[in-house]
Amino acid sequence: FSLAYMPMRNRVEVSRLMLEDCQCPYEFEVIGFKRWQDIKPKTPLGKVPVLYNFDGKGNDLAQESAITRFLARKLGLCGKSDEEEALVDMLY
């Protein structure tokens, strides 16, 4: 996986911690404030965080909740039933 965000914790921290906890290799790009104006038009919805190439087809995923929920499913952290998934969503 490859994540990108500004030089701060905040919106991508939960996703990053999930990857760390699962010992899943990932890259993390820090987008500085000076570069943001050049990068913004290339991001989905003009926002970060971004999970690059999330589907293996070159598409990028933006918005912290979408990224977190996608990674939770991929990493097996979203619950084993609809009820468990609802409880996990409640925590997030």
Protein backbone atom coordinates (compact mmCIF):
# COMPACT_ATOMS: atom_id res chain seq x y z
CA PHE A 1 0.00 0.00 0.00
CA SER A 2 1.06 3.59 -0.52
CA LEU A 3 -0.40 6.44 1.54
CA ALA A 4 0.11 10.18 1.24
CA TYR A 5 -0.74 12.99 3.63
CA MET A 6 0.49 16.30 5.00
CA PRO A 7 3.38 16.47 7.51
CA MET A 8 1.15 15.86 10.54
CA ARG A 9 -0.74 13.06 12.17
CA ASN A 10 -4.49 13.46 12.09
CA ARG A 11 -6.62 12.02 9.30
CA VAL A 12 -4.34 9.22 8.12
CA GLU A 13 -3.14 8.07 11.54
CA VAL A 14 -5.75 5.32 12.07
CA SER A 15 -5.02 3.81 8.64
CA ARG A 16 -1.28 4.00 9.25
CA LEU A 17 -1.61 2.36 12.68
CA MET A 18 -3.71 -0.45 11.20
CA LEU A 19 -0.98 -1.17 8.65
CA GLU A 20 1.67 -1.08 11.38
CA ASP A 21 -0.34 -3.37 13.67
CA CYS A 22 -0.80 -5.93 10.89
CA GLN A 23 2.88 -5.62 9.96
CA CYS A 24 1.80 -4.85 6.41
CA PRO A 25 4.48 -3.14 4.32
CA TYR A 26 3.51 0.28 3.04
CA GLU A 27 5.00 3.51 1.76
CA PHE A 28 4.16 6.87 3.25
CA GLU A 29 4.61 10.05 1.24
CA VAL A 30 4.71 13.30 3.17
CA ILE A 31 3.25 16.04 1.00
CA GLY A 32 4.64 19.33 2.20
CA PHE A 33 2.58 22.48 2.18
CA LYS A 34 4.74 24.01 -0.56
CA ARG A 35 4.08 21.06 -2.91
CA TRP A 36 0.36 20.84 -2.11
CA GLN A 37 -0.78 23.30 -4.79
CA ASP A 38 0.92 21.19 -7.49
CA ILE A 39 -0.36 17.86 -6.14
CA LYS A 40 -3.93 18.90 -5.25
CA PRO A 41 -5.32 18.74 -8.84
CA LYS A 42 -3.99 15.17 -9.17
CA THR A 43 -5.75 13.81 -6.09
CA PRO A 44 -9.29 12.42 -6.01
CA LEU A 45 -11.66 15.18 -4.91
CA GLY A 46 -8.62 17.47 -4.49
CA LYS A 47 -8.05 16.12 -0.99
CA VAL A 48 -5.68 14.08 1.15
CA PRO A 49 -5.13 11.57 2.61
CA VAL A 50 -4.76 9.41 -0.49
CA LEU A 51 -4.30 5.67 -0.83
CA TYR A 52 -2.54 5.32 -4.19
CA ASN A 53 -3.43 2.52 -6.60
CA PHE A 54 -5.80 0.97 -4.06
CA ASP A 55 -7.35 -1.41 -6.57
CA GLY A 56 -4.19 -2.44 -8.44
CA LYS A 57 -5.54 -0.72 -11.56
CA GLY A 58 -4.02 2.71 -10.95
CA ASN A 59 -7.02 4.28 -9.21
CA ASP A 60 -6.49 6.33 -6.06
CA LEU A 61 -8.80 6.48 -3.05
CA ALA A 62 -9.28 9.64 -0.98
CA GLN A 63 -11.19 10.47 2.21
CA GLU A 64 -10.08 9.10 5.55
CA SER A 65 -13.16 7.02 6.32
CA ALA A 66 -13.16 5.33 2.91
CA ILE A 67 -9.44 4.51 3.24
CA THR A 68 -9.81 3.20 6.80
CA ARG A 69 -12.80 1.00 5.98
CA PHE A 70 -11.14 -0.32 2.80
CA LEU A 71 -7.95 -1.23 4.69
CA ALA A 72 -9.95 -2.79 7.53
CA ARG A 73 -11.62 -5.14 5.04
CA LYS A 74 -8.34 -5.94 3.26
CA LEU A 75 -6.47 -6.54 6.54
CA GLY A 76 -9.23 -8.61 8.15
CA LEU A 77 -9.98 -6.03 10.83
CA CYS A 78 -13.58 -5.21 10.00
CA GLY A 79 -15.30 -8.04 11.88
CA LYS A 80 -16.39 -11.56 11.02
CA SER A 81 -20.12 -10.84 10.82
CA ASP A 82 -22.37 -7.93 9.98
CA GLU A 83 -22.86 -7.35 13.72
CA GLU A 84 -19.11 -7.25 14.43
CA GLU A 85 -18.60 -4.94 11.48
CA ALA A 86 -21.26 -2.60 12.90
CA LEU A 87 -19.46 -2.58 16.27
CA VAL A 88 -16.13 -1.80 14.59
CA ASP A 89 -17.80 1.02 12.63
CA MET A 90 -19.21 2.36 15.90
CA LEU A 91 -15.67 2.68 17.28
CA TYR A 92 -14.45 4.48 14.22
